[in-house]
Structure formats: C-alpha cells, structure tokens
C-alpha atoms as a PDB file:
ATOM      1  CA  UNK A   1       9.664 114.157-157.843  1.00  0.00           C
ATOM      2  CA  UNK A   2       9.023 115.312-154.287  1.00  0.00           C
ATOM      3  CA  UNK A   3      11.225 117.277-151.884  1.00  0.00           C
ATOM      4  CA  UNK A   4      11.156 117.422-148.138  1.00  0.00           C
ATOM      5  CA  UNK A   5      12.946 119.471-145.461  1.00  0.00           C
ATOM      6  CA  UNK A   6      13.997 117.198-142.597  1.00  0.00           C
ATOM      7  CA  UNK A   7      16.337 117.264-139.659  1.00  0.00           C
ATOM      8  CA  UNK A   8      19.023 114.614-139.505  1.00  0.00           C
ATOM      9  CA  UNK A   9      22.335 114.795-137.717  1.00  0.00           C
ATOM     10  CA  UNK A  10      25.547 115.187-139.693  1.00  0.00           C
ATOM     11  CA  UNK A  11      26.484 112.093-141.704  1.00  0.00           C
ATOM     12  CA  UNK A  12      29.381 111.168-139.311  1.00  0.00           C
ATOM     13  CA  UNK A  13      27.338 111.713-136.063  1.00  0.00           C
ATOM     14  CA  UNK A  14      27.240 108.503-133.978  1.00  0.00           C
ATOM     15  CA  UNK A  15      23.419 108.637-133.956  1.00  0.00           C
ATOM     16  CA  UNK A  16      23.309 108.816-137.752  1.00  0.00           C
ATOM     17  CA  UNK A  17      25.611 105.811-138.132  1.00  0.00           C
ATOM     18  CA  UNK A  18      23.665 103.720-135.631  1.00  0.00           C
ATOM     19  CA  UNK A  19      20.308 104.623-137.134  1.00  0.00           C
ATOM     20  CA  UNK A  20      21.497 103.830-140.715  1.00  0.00           C
ATOM     21  CA  UNK A  21      22.635 100.358-139.548  1.00  0.00           C
ATOM     22  CA  UNK A  22      19.298  99.782-137.782  1.00  0.00           C
ATOM     23  CA  UNK A  23      17.196 100.926-140.689  1.00  0.00           C
ATOM     24  CA  UNK A  24      19.366  99.178-143.234  1.00  0.00           C
ATOM     25  CA  UNK A  25      19.954 102.169-145.483  1.00  0.00           C
ATOM     26  CA  UNK A  26      22.123 105.335-145.403  1.00  0.00           C
ATOM     27  CA  UNK A  27      20.099 108.300-146.672  1.00  0.00           C
ATOM     28  CA  UNK A  28      23.255 110.282-147.295  1.00  0.00           C
ATOM     29  CA  UNK A  29      24.647 107.754-149.799  1.00  0.00           C
ATOM     30  CA  UNK A  30      21.679 105.552-150.591  1.00  0.00           C
ATOM     31  CA  UNK A  31      23.743 102.495-149.615  1.00  0.00           C
ATOM     32  CA  UNK A  32      21.960  99.528-148.096  1.00  0.00           C
ATOM     33  CA  UNK A  33      23.320  97.488-145.230  1.00  0.00           C
ATOM     34  CA  UNK A  34      22.512  94.373-143.236  1.00  0.00           C
ATOM     35  CA  UNK A  35      20.763  95.071-139.895  1.00  0.00           C
ATOM     36  CA  UNK A  36      22.551  93.978-136.711  1.00  0.00           C
ATOM     37  CA  UNK A  37      22.070  90.526-135.207  1.00  0.00           C
ATOM     38  CA  UNK A  38      20.646  90.865-131.715  1.00  0.00           C
ATOM     39  CA  UNK A  39      19.471  88.532-128.961  1.00  0.00           C
ATOM     40  CA  UNK A  40      15.913  89.845-129.136  1.00  0.00           C
ATOM     41  CA  UNK A  41      15.492  90.185-132.910  1.00  0.00           C
ATOM     42  CA  UNK A  42      17.119  88.575-135.931  1.00  0.00           C
ATOM     43  CA  UNK A  43      18.332  90.713-138.949  1.00  0.00           C
ATOM     44  CA  UNK A  44      15.295  89.458-140.929  1.00  0.00           C
ATOM     45  CA  UNK A  45      12.932  90.553-138.212  1.00  0.00           C
ATOM     46  CA  UNK A  46      14.592  93.988-137.985  1.00  0.00           C
ATOM     47  CA  UNK A  47      14.299  94.388-141.748  1.00  0.00           C
ATOM     48  CA  UNK A  48      10.609  93.527-141.544  1.00  0.00           C
ATOM     49  CA  UNK A  49       9.868  96.062-138.774  1.00  0.00           C
ATOM     50  CA  UNK A  50      11.904  98.809-140.435  1.00  0.00           C
ATOM     51  CA  UNK A  51      10.673  98.403-144.005  1.00  0.00           C
ATOM     52  CA  UNK A  52       8.373 101.450-143.969  1.00  0.00           C
ATOM     53  CA  UNK A  53      10.879 103.720-142.221  1.00  0.00           C
ATOM     54  CA  UNK A  54      13.785 102.579-144.374  1.00  0.00           C
ATOM     55  CA  UNK A  55      12.444 104.283-147.527  1.00  0.00           C
ATOM     56  CA  UNK A  56      12.470 107.682-145.845  1.00  0.00           C
ATOM     57  CA  UNK A  57      15.844 107.441-144.153  1.00  0.00           C
ATOM     58  CA  UNK A  58      16.676 108.560-140.613  1.00  0.00           C
ATOM     59  CA  UNK A  59      15.020 111.904-140.078  1.00  0.00           C
ATOM     60  CA  UNK A  60      12.542 114.117-138.212  1.00  0.00           C
ATOM     61  CA  UNK A  61       9.926 115.682-140.464  1.00  0.00           C
ATOM     62  CA  UNK A  62      10.011 119.479-140.435  1.00  0.00           C
ATOM     63  CA  UNK A  63       8.448 120.305-143.863  1.00  0.00           C
ATOM     64  CA  UNK A  64       6.703 117.149-145.107  1.00  0.00           C
ATOM     65  CA  UNK A  65       7.258 115.887-148.672  1.00  0.00           C
ATOM     66  CA  UNK A  66       5.802 118.165-151.355  1.00  0.00           C
ATOM     67  CA  UNK A  67       5.811 118.730-155.108  1.00  0.00           C
ATOM     68  CA  UNK A  68       7.465 121.950-156.195  1.00  0.00           C
ATOM     69  CA  UNK A  69       5.276 124.910-157.006  1.00  0.00           C
ATOM     70  CA  UNK A  70       5.319 126.337-160.497  1.00  0.00           C
ATOM     71  CA  UNK A  71       8.293 128.616-161.034  1.00  0.00           C
ATOM     72  CA  UNK A  72      10.375 126.960-158.291  1.00  0.00           C
ATOM     73  CA  UNK A  73      13.213 124.572-158.811  1.00  0.00           C
ATOM     74  CA  UNK A  74      15.401 122.296-156.745  1.00  0.00           C
ATOM     75  CA  UNK A  75      18.142 124.901-156.959  1.00  0.00           C
ATOM     76  CA  UNK A  76      15.896 127.712-155.737  1.00  0.00           C
ATOM     77  CA  UNK A  77      14.802 125.616-152.788  1.00  0.00           C
ATOM     78  CA  UNK A  78      18.361 124.728-151.857  1.00  0.00           C
ATOM     79  CA  UNK A  79      19.454 128.353-152.105  1.00  0.00           C
ATOM     80  CA  UNK A  80      16.546 129.497-149.914  1.00  0.00           C
ATOM     81  CA  UNK A  81      17.309 126.850-147.286  1.00  0.00           C
ATOM     82  CA  UNK A  82      20.955 127.837-147.236  1.00  0.00           C
ATOM     83  CA  UNK A  83      19.986 131.452-146.629  1.00  0.00           C
ATOM     84  CA  UNK A  84      17.454 130.409-143.916  1.00  0.00           C
ATOM     85  CA  UNK A  85      20.117 128.325-142.168  1.00  0.00           C
ATOM     86  CA  UNK A  86      22.560 131.198-142.042  1.00  0.00           C
ATOM     87  CA  UNK A  87      20.015 133.249-140.075  1.00  0.00           C
ATOM     88  CA  UNK A  88      18.654 130.525-137.779  1.00  0.00           C
ATOM     89  CA  UNK A  89      20.070 129.338-134.471  1.00  0.00           C
ATOM     90  CA  UNK A  90      20.268 125.629-133.473  1.00  0.00           C
ATOM     91  CA  UNK A  91      17.819 124.144-131.061  1.00  0.00           C
ATOM     92  CA  UNK A  92      18.949 121.869-128.226  1.00  0.00           C
ATOM     93  CA  UNK A  93      16.955 118.759-127.316  1.00  0.00           C
ATOM     94  CA  UNK A  94      17.929 117.736-123.734  1.00  0.00           C
ATOM     95  CA  UNK A  95      17.719 114.098-124.647  1.00  0.00           C
ATOM     96  CA  UNK A  96      16.035 111.736-127.122  1.00  0.00           C
ATOM     97  CA  UNK A  97      14.209 108.729-125.721  1.00  0.00           C
ATOM     98  CA  UNK A  98      12.721 105.597-127.283  1.00  0.00           C
ATOM     99  CA  UNK A  99       8.990 105.630-127.363  1.00  0.00           C
ATOM    100  CA  UNK A 100       5.916 104.821-129.518  1.00  0.00           C
ATOM    101  CA  UNK A 101       3.756 107.322-131.390  1.00  0.00           C
ATOM    102  CA  UNK A 102       0.613 105.934-133.126  1.00  0.00           C
ATOM    103  CA  UNK A 103       2.154 102.487-132.889  1.00  0.00           C
ATOM    104  CA  UNK A 104       5.451 103.427-134.478  1.00  0.00           C
ATOM    105  CA  UNK A 105       8.655 103.262-132.495  1.00  0.00           C
ATOM    106  CA  UNK A 106      10.607 106.519-132.678  1.00  0.00           C
ATOM    107  CA  UNK A 107      13.093 108.730-130.892  1.00  0.00           C
ATOM    108  CA  UNK A 108      11.107 111.419-129.021  1.00  0.00           C
ATOM    109  CA  UNK A 109      12.285 114.528-127.237  1.00  0.00           C
ATOM    110  CA  UNK A 110      12.429 114.624-123.443  1.00  0.00           C
ATOM    111  CA  UNK A 111      12.102 118.408-123.378  1.00  0.00           C
ATOM    112  CA  UNK A 112      12.497 121.586-125.421  1.00  0.00           C
ATOM    113  CA  UNK A 113       8.980 121.183-126.809  1.00  0.00           C
ATOM    114  CA  UNK A 114       8.117 124.852-127.233  1.00  0.00           C
ATOM    115  CA  UNK A 115      11.438 125.641-128.963  1.00  0.00           C
ATOM    116  CA  UNK A 116      10.983 122.672-131.310  1.00  0.00           C
ATOM    117  CA  UNK A 117       7.434 123.665-132.127  1.00  0.00           C
ATOM    118  CA  UNK A 118       8.452 127.284-132.881  1.00  0.00           C
ATOM    119  CA  UNK A 119      11.366 126.141-134.985  1.00  0.00           C
ATOM    120  CA  UNK A 120       9.292 123.793-137.034  1.00  0.00           C
ATOM    121  CA  UNK A 121       6.549 126.350-137.541  1.00  0.00           C
ATOM    122  CA  UNK A 122       9.032 128.872-138.935  1.00  0.00           C
ATOM    123  CA  UNK A 123      10.202 126.305-141.501  1.00  0.00           C
ATOM    124  CA  UNK A 124       6.687 125.354-142.477  1.00  0.00           C
ATOM    125  CA  UNK A 125       5.623 128.925-143.115  1.00  0.00           C
ATOM    126  CA  UNK A 126       8.877 130.173-144.706  1.00  0.00           C
ATOM    127  CA  UNK A 127       9.022 127.357-147.258  1.00  0.00           C
ATOM    128  CA  UNK A 128       5.353 126.987-148.075  1.00  0.00           C
ATOM    129  CA  UNK A 129       5.763 129.094-151.267  1.00  0.00           C
ATOM    130  CA  UNK A 130       7.831 126.214-152.651  1.00  0.00           C
ATOM    131  CA  UNK A 131       4.958 123.699-152.189  1.00  0.00           C
ATOM    132  CA  UNK A 132       2.491 122.985-154.956  1.00  0.00           C
ATOM    133  CA  UNK A 133      -1.128 122.853-153.729  1.00  0.00           C
ATOM    134  CA  UNK A 134      -2.179 119.501-152.371  1.00  0.00           C
ATOM    135  CA  UNK A 135      -4.375 117.429-154.663  1.00  0.00           C
ATOM    136  CA  UNK A 136      -7.557 115.508-153.817  1.00  0.00           C
ATOM    137  CA  UNK A 137      -5.723 112.269-154.402  1.00  0.00           C
ATOM    138  CA  UNK A 138      -2.974 113.314-151.946  1.00  0.00           C
ATOM    139  CA  UNK A 139      -5.610 114.235-149.327  1.00  0.00           C
ATOM    140  CA  UNK A 140      -7.253 110.795-149.697  1.00  0.00           C
ATOM    141  CA  UNK A 141      -3.974 109.062-149.194  1.00  0.00           C
ATOM    142  CA  UNK A 142      -3.771 110.711-145.754  1.00  0.00           C
ATOM    143  CA  UNK A 143      -6.988 108.878-144.691  1.00  0.00           C
ATOM    144  CA  UNK A 144      -8.735 112.159-143.751  1.00  0.00           C
ATOM    145  CA  UNK A 145     -11.454 110.328-141.890  1.00  0.00           C
ATOM    146  CA  UNK A 146      -8.933 109.474-139.165  1.00  0.00           C
ATOM    147  CA  UNK A 147      -7.815 113.094-138.689  1.00  0.00           C
ATOM    148  CA  UNK A 148      -9.131 115.649-136.212  1.00  0.00           C
ATOM    149  CA  UNK A 149     -10.769 118.799-137.517  1.00  0.00           C
ATOM    150  CA  UNK A 150      -7.521 120.722-136.809  1.00  0.00           C
ATOM    151  CA  UNK A 151      -5.390 118.178-138.509  1.00  0.00           C
ATOM    152  CA  UNK A 152      -7.647 118.098-141.584  1.00  0.00           C
ATOM    153  CA  UNK A 153      -7.504 121.926-141.820  1.00  0.00           C
ATOM    154  CA  UNK A 154      -3.674 121.718-141.621  1.00  0.00           C
ATOM    155  CA  UNK A 155      -3.612 119.083-144.355  1.00  0.00           C
ATOM    156  CA  UNK A 156      -5.651 121.244-146.717  1.00  0.00           C
ATOM    157  CA  UNK A 157      -3.833 124.498-145.929  1.00  0.00           C
ATOM    158  CA  UNK A 158      -0.247 123.341-145.337  1.00  0.00           C
ATOM    159  CA  UNK A 159      -0.086 119.919-147.000  1.00  0.00           C
ATOM    160  CA  UNK A 160       0.535 117.999-143.768  1.00  0.00           C
ATOM    161  CA  UNK A 161      -1.731 117.369-140.729  1.00  0.00           C
ATOM    162  CA  UNK A 162       0.898 117.616-138.021  1.00  0.00           C
ATOM    163  CA  UNK A 163       2.029 121.260-137.984  1.00  0.00           C
ATOM    164  CA  UNK A 164       1.923 124.088-135.430  1.00  0.00           C
ATOM    165  CA  UNK A 165      -0.020 122.927-132.338  1.00  0.00           C
ATOM    166  CA  UNK A 166      -0.280 119.419-133.845  1.00  0.00           C
ATOM    167  CA  UNK A 167       3.445 119.133-134.446  1.00  0.00           C
ATOM    168  CA  UNK A 168       5.084 116.121-132.902  1.00  0.00           C
ATOM    169  CA  UNK A 169       8.839 115.906-133.204  1.00  0.00           C
ATOM    170  CA  UNK A 170       9.882 112.299-133.794  1.00  0.00           C
ATOM    171  CA  UNK A 171      12.534 110.288-135.600  1.00  0.00           C
ATOM    172  CA  UNK A 172      10.812 107.153-136.842  1.00  0.00           C
ATOM    173  CA  UNK A 173      12.564 103.797-136.263  1.00  0.00           C
ATOM    174  CA  UNK A 174       9.875 101.226-137.244  1.00  0.00           C
ATOM    175  CA  UNK A 175       6.465 100.615-138.729  1.00  0.00           C
ATOM    176  CA  UNK A 176       3.509  99.963-136.496  1.00  0.00           C
ATOM    177  CA  UNK A 177       4.356  97.367-133.852  1.00  0.00           C
ATOM    178  CA  UNK A 178       1.750  95.722-131.659  1.00  0.00           C
ATOM    179  CA  UNK A 179       1.083  92.713-129.403  1.00  0.00           C
ATOM    180  CA  UNK A 180       3.943  90.456-128.364  1.00  0.00           C
ATOM    181  CA  UNK A 181       6.348  92.157-130.778  1.00  0.00           C
ATOM    182  CA  UNK A 182       6.334  95.398-128.754  1.00  0.00           C
ATOM    183  CA  UNK A 183       8.671  94.295-125.867  1.00  0.00           C
ATOM    184  CA  UNK A 184      10.993  92.487-128.287  1.00  0.00           C
ATOM    185  CA  UNK A 185      11.377  95.485-130.607  1.00  0.00           C
ATOM    186  CA  UNK A 186      11.757  97.850-127.668  1.00  0.00           C
ATOM    187  CA  UNK A 187      14.491  95.593-126.215  1.00  0.00           C
ATOM    188  CA  UNK A 188      16.321  95.592-129.563  1.00  0.00           C
ATOM    189  CA  UNK A 189      16.057  99.339-129.877  1.00  0.00           C
ATOM    190  CA  UNK A 190      17.362  99.903-126.355  1.00  0.00           C
ATOM    191  CA  UNK A 191      20.312  97.656-127.105  1.00  0.00           C
ATOM    192  CA  UNK A 192      21.181  99.442-130.276  1.00  0.00           C
ATOM    193  CA  UNK A 193      20.412 103.058-129.397  1.00  0.00           C
ATOM    194  CA  UNK A 194      20.941 103.598-125.688  1.00  0.00           C
ATOM    195  CA  UNK A 195      24.759 103.924-126.086  1.00  0.00           C
ATOM    196  CA  UNK A 196      24.241 107.017-128.281  1.00  0.00           C
ATOM    197  CA  UNK A 197      21.352 108.675-126.403  1.00  0.00           C
ATOM    198  CA  UNK A 198      23.082 109.875-123.239  1.00  0.00           C
ATOM    199  CA  UNK A 199      23.969 113.313-124.575  1.00  0.00           C
ATOM    200  CA  UNK A 200      21.759 116.239-125.729  1.00  0.00           C
ATOM    201  CA  UNK A 201      20.977 116.320-129.432  1.00  0.00           C
ATOM    202  CA  UNK A 202      21.396 119.620-131.204  1.00  0.00           C
ATOM    203  CA  UNK A 203      19.116 120.418-134.132  1.00  0.00           C
ATOM    204  CA  UNK A 204      22.039 122.010-135.961  1.00  0.00           C
ATOM    205  CA  UNK A 205      21.085 121.573-139.551  1.00  0.00           C
ATOM    206  CA  UNK A 206      18.332 120.995-142.090  1.00  0.00           C
ATOM    207  CA  UNK A 207      18.524 118.754-145.122  1.00  0.00           C
ATOM    208  CA  UNK A 208      16.751 118.628-148.445  1.00  0.00           C
ATOM    209  CA  UNK A 209      15.580 115.068-149.014  1.00  0.00           C
ATOM    210  CA  UNK A 210      14.494 114.039-152.516  1.00  0.00           C
ATOM    211  CA  UNK A 211      12.156 111.310-153.714  1.00  0.00           C
ATOM    212  CA  UNK A 212      12.985 110.970-157.452  1.00  0.00           C
ATOM    213  CA  UNK A 213       9.910 108.878-158.229  1.00  0.00           C
ATOM    214  CA  UNK A 214       6.753 107.957-156.427  1.00  0.00           C
ATOM    215  CA  UNK A 215       7.363 105.192-153.876  1.00  0.00           C
ATOM    216  CA  UNK A 216      11.154 105.366-154.277  1.00  0.00           C
ATOM    217  CA  UNK A 217      13.669 105.848-151.477  1.00  0.00           C
ATOM    218  CA  UNK A 218      14.428 109.356-150.223  1.00  0.00           C
ATOM    219  CA  UNK A 219      18.048 110.460-150.347  1.00  0.00           C
ATOM    220  CA  UNK A 220      19.755 113.570-148.976  1.00  0.00           C
ATOM    221  CA  UNK A 221      20.480 116.133-151.649  1.00  0.00           C
ATOM    222  CA  UNK A 222      22.141 118.693-149.362  1.00  0.00           C
ATOM    223  CA  UNK A 223      22.470 119.479-145.671  1.00  0.00           C
ATOM    224  CA  UNK A 224      22.693 123.086-144.340  1.00  0.00           C
ATOM    225  CA  UNK A 225      24.218 123.900-140.997  1.00  0.00           C
ATOM    226  CA  UNK A 226      22.300 126.274-138.728  1.00  0.00           C
ATOM    227  CA  UNK A 227      24.395 129.206-137.488  1.00  0.00           C
ATOM    228  CA  UNK A 228      24.680 130.189-133.817  1.00  0.00           C
ATOM    229  CA  UNK A 229      23.166 133.619-133.156  1.00  0.00           C
ATOM    230  CA  UNK A 230      25.784 136.344-133.040  1.00  0.00           C
ATOM    231  CA  UNK A 231      26.036 138.318-129.806  1.00  0.00           C
ATOM    232  CA  UNK A 232      24.449 141.707-130.121  1.00  0.00           C
ATOM    233  CA  UNK A 233      26.781 144.634-129.663  1.00  0.00           C
ATOM    234  CA  UNK A 234      25.672 147.048-126.949  1.00  0.00           C
ATOM    235  CA  UNK A 235      26.281 150.720-127.793  1.00  0.00           C
END
C-alpha cells in the first residue's frame, strides 16, 4: 500500500466534477463514468488519452506516493495532516490554464508560483518522516538517466525528483500527446474545462490518497480543509 498527499478541490467543486467526467473516474468514490462525447474527440479517444491519469484521479502532487515508514500508520498520517491543515493558510492561484508539461496535458497555474513552491516545500519536509526510504527498484522505475543532477538528488533524498526548486504545480489531464493529436486533444480540453477556469482556484485543502495495491487506482481516504490565518491581536 502507498499513500500520497495531493491537492484536489472539494468533491462538489465544479472543477472536480468536470475533471472526474473527463478522466472517467471519481477519486472520491472510485466510481467510473463514461467520458463526454465531443466534436473533436470521441469517448473512446478520450478514454485512451486519459488512461494513465485516470488511475491517479484528479489531483496536484504535493507529497508524491510513498510507502509508510516503520512505526507509522494510516491513522497517524491522517491525524498529522489534520493538525497541519489547522495551522496552514490556503494559497490562491489566480487562474489555471490548459497547457502541456513533458508532453502531458495539465492544468497549470498562471501565477502565485512562489507561494505554491513554499507551500509544497513545507508539506514535503513536514511529512517526510512518514515516508519509508526509497528502494533501488523504485529509483530505477523513475528512469534516473533522464533526470538532472538536482532531480536525481531529490529522488534519492526525498523520494520524488520534482520538489523545492524543481517543483512544478500541475493537475494532469492526459498521458503524453504528440503529433496531430495535440490540437484535437487541446480543443477537447478547452471545450470541457474553459467554462470552469474563469475564477481563481484556492488551494484550500489537502487529501490523503491511497493506492491499496501496486498498479491499482488511487482513491481519496480523507480531505482536510486548510484554515485561514487568524488576525493577530495588537496589544
């Protein structure tokens, strides 16, 4: 079993509902659904392009999937995340936009980069005690020969290449897309997502995602609302 700490909007947020329909699976319930029928892509084509992302559910990686360290439990992780959330303020992303990152289509932030990076770094460091050390087999699965020196050091030390200065906030919507499929997939994504991308997105909660068995779908075990910072009293 692996756990992960991801951001995803509340289960009833319009963006969550649209993303679940696009990916064909609701990470809150585990329910599968038929992708929409669009002028640019058929449901079967959408299912093909979203196959890799579907398993993980709609999310932004904050603390990448990890095995629990000895002495830690799911309950201790959930309790610690609840305590962290009570002391952590939300982060506002001015707007999410559709783009590609390493060939994958994703929702990317239009601003707030420093705040997002600091927020993610605090989660990575705070919860690293819950992570079992990465194994050689896990390192190999990351194709270390494709990583930069910084990313490889991050992988060995923190279990994930894209942390701290290498962090890239993104909410994956597809597998790798290339060639003539790029404009068609982009057109489909714009049709589906543009109606729910006009407002700022608030990073207002963190969720514990669980992968019960290797290669299985991730589902949301619990979501913890971040608390607005209280105004300081001036003496």
